[in-house]
Amino acid sequence: MEARTLTITVQQPDWQAALRSAGKAAQSETYQGETLNFESADVFLGRLAALRWSLLRQIMRLGDVSIRELARQIGRDVRRIHDDVVVLTELGLIERTASGGVLCPFVDIHVDLHFRKAG
């Protein structure tokens, strides 16, 4: 299995461009990586706050790990870790494992975030 990569983008939704891009990626014979787009920086920062980034880094470091072990490693409440795991799973940044733990399937995550002056 090829190493999975993820690019996180922040840009206004353009369903036509997204459809064209997905079509090109599907026609490629090589793996093109995956993309997760947020429609604004506010939405991105609201869903992926600092504690969730820290949690994601720990999961990437540890591999298949239980929620209890994550809580112990980070020194946070199990319930709060569980809540963050739910959000990270919904976004596709982590996956549940057969053993009941979680893991990050990506070897590389790149964030592409631009701020421009309006006008």
Protein backbone atom coordinates (compact mmCIF):
# COMPACT_ATOMS: atom_id res chain seq x y z
CA MET A 1 0.00 0.00 0.00
CA GLU A 2 1.30 3.42 -0.95
CA ALA A 3 1.96 6.02 1.75
CA ARG A 4 -1.05 8.34 2.00
CA THR A 5 -0.66 12.12 2.01
CA LEU A 6 -3.14 14.88 2.76
CA THR A 7 -3.28 18.53 1.78
CA ILE A 8 -5.61 20.75 3.79
CA THR A 9 -6.79 23.80 1.89
CA VAL A 10 -8.82 26.85 2.84
CA GLN A 11 -10.73 28.36 -0.05
CA GLN A 12 -14.22 29.32 -1.06
CA PRO A 13 -16.19 26.30 -2.23
CA ASP A 14 -16.22 25.90 -6.00
CA TRP A 15 -17.97 22.63 -6.69
CA GLN A 16 -17.21 22.76 -10.41
CA ALA A 17 -13.46 23.13 -9.87
CA ALA A 18 -13.53 20.43 -7.20
CA LEU A 19 -15.32 18.08 -9.59
CA ARG A 20 -12.78 18.76 -12.37
CA SER A 21 -9.91 18.17 -9.94
CA ALA A 22 -11.41 14.91 -8.68
CA GLY A 23 -11.93 13.75 -12.26
CA LYS A 24 -8.27 14.43 -13.14
CA ALA A 25 -7.06 12.63 -10.02
CA ALA A 26 -9.25 9.61 -10.79
CA GLN A 27 -7.79 9.34 -14.30
CA SER A 28 -4.21 9.42 -13.08
CA GLU A 29 -2.35 6.14 -12.90
CA THR A 30 -0.42 7.26 -9.83
CA TYR A 31 -1.63 8.24 -6.39
CA GLN A 32 -2.16 12.01 -6.24
CA GLY A 33 -2.72 12.41 -2.51
CA GLU A 34 -5.91 13.48 -0.82
CA THR A 35 -7.38 16.91 -0.10
CA LEU A 36 -9.53 18.26 2.70
CA ASN A 37 -10.95 21.73 2.03
CA PHE A 38 -12.42 24.23 4.47
CA GLU A 39 -14.49 27.10 3.12
CA SER A 40 -12.88 29.68 5.41
CA ALA A 41 -10.06 30.14 7.89
CA ASP A 42 -12.66 30.59 10.64
CA VAL A 43 -14.15 27.15 9.94
CA PHE A 44 -10.68 25.58 9.68
CA LEU A 45 -9.45 27.07 12.96
CA GLY A 46 -12.74 26.28 14.68
CA ARG A 47 -12.54 22.58 13.81
CA LEU A 48 -8.77 22.14 14.16
CA ALA A 49 -7.79 24.12 17.23
CA ALA A 50 -4.39 23.75 18.92
CA LEU A 51 -5.37 20.87 21.22
CA ARG A 52 -6.66 18.83 18.28
CA TRP A 53 -3.43 19.44 16.33
CA SER A 54 -1.47 18.28 19.36
CA LEU A 55 -3.65 15.19 19.59
CA LEU A 56 -3.21 14.47 15.88
CA ARG A 57 0.59 14.75 16.20
CA GLN A 58 0.54 12.27 19.10
CA ILE A 59 -1.57 9.82 17.12
CA MET A 60 0.81 10.12 14.16
CA ARG A 61 3.74 9.46 16.49
CA LEU A 62 2.18 6.54 18.38
CA GLY A 63 0.38 4.71 15.58
CA ASP A 64 -2.54 2.48 16.60
CA VAL A 65 -3.35 3.74 20.10
CA SER A 66 -6.31 3.58 22.48
CA ILE A 67 -8.15 6.68 23.64
CA ARG A 68 -7.21 5.91 27.25
CA GLU A 69 -3.52 5.70 26.32
CA LEU A 70 -3.78 8.97 24.40
CA ALA A 71 -5.30 10.65 27.44
CA ARG A 72 -2.52 9.27 29.63
CA GLN A 73 0.23 10.33 27.21
CA ILE A 74 -1.12 13.87 26.83
CA GLY A 75 -2.39 14.34 30.39
CA ARG A 76 -5.95 15.18 29.39
CA ASP A 77 -9.36 13.85 30.40
CA VAL A 78 -10.50 10.72 28.52
CA ARG A 79 -13.88 12.29 27.73
CA ARG A 80 -12.27 15.37 26.15
CA ILE A 81 -9.92 13.17 24.11
CA HIS A 82 -12.92 11.12 22.97
CA ASP A 83 -14.76 14.29 21.87
CA ASP A 84 -11.71 15.43 19.86
CA VAL A 85 -11.29 11.95 18.35
CA VAL A 86 -14.90 12.12 17.12
CA VAL A 87 -14.19 15.42 15.31
CA LEU A 88 -10.89 14.22 13.84
CA THR A 89 -12.59 11.02 12.65
CA GLU A 90 -15.47 12.95 11.06
CA LEU A 91 -12.91 15.05 9.16
CA GLY A 92 -11.09 11.92 7.98
CA LEU A 93 -7.82 12.85 9.68
CA ILE A 94 -7.81 9.70 11.80
CA GLU A 95 -9.47 6.30 11.53
CA ARG A 96 -10.76 3.78 14.04
CA THR A 97 -8.91 0.46 14.13
CA ALA A 98 -10.18 -3.10 14.59
CA SER A 99 -8.55 -3.15 18.04
CA GLY A 100 -10.73 -0.21 19.16
CA GLY A 101 -7.96 2.36 18.93
CA VAL A 102 -7.29 5.13 16.47
CA LEU A 103 -4.56 5.89 13.98
CA CYS A 104 -3.65 8.52 11.43
CA PRO A 105 -3.42 6.93 7.97
CA PHE A 106 -1.31 9.78 6.57
CA VAL A 107 2.48 9.96 6.56
CA ASP A 108 2.40 13.64 5.59
CA ILE A 109 -0.16 16.40 6.17
CA HIS A 110 0.34 19.77 4.48
CA VAL A 111 -1.75 22.85 5.28
CA ASP A 112 -2.20 25.43 2.52
CA LEU A 113 -3.59 28.58 4.11
CA HIS A 114 -3.51 32.03 2.51
CA PHE A 115 -4.71 35.38 3.78
CA ARG A 116 -5.26 38.18 1.27
CA LYS A 117 -6.16 41.80 1.67
CA ALA A 118 -9.68 42.40 0.42
CA GLY A 119 -10.05 44.86 -2.28
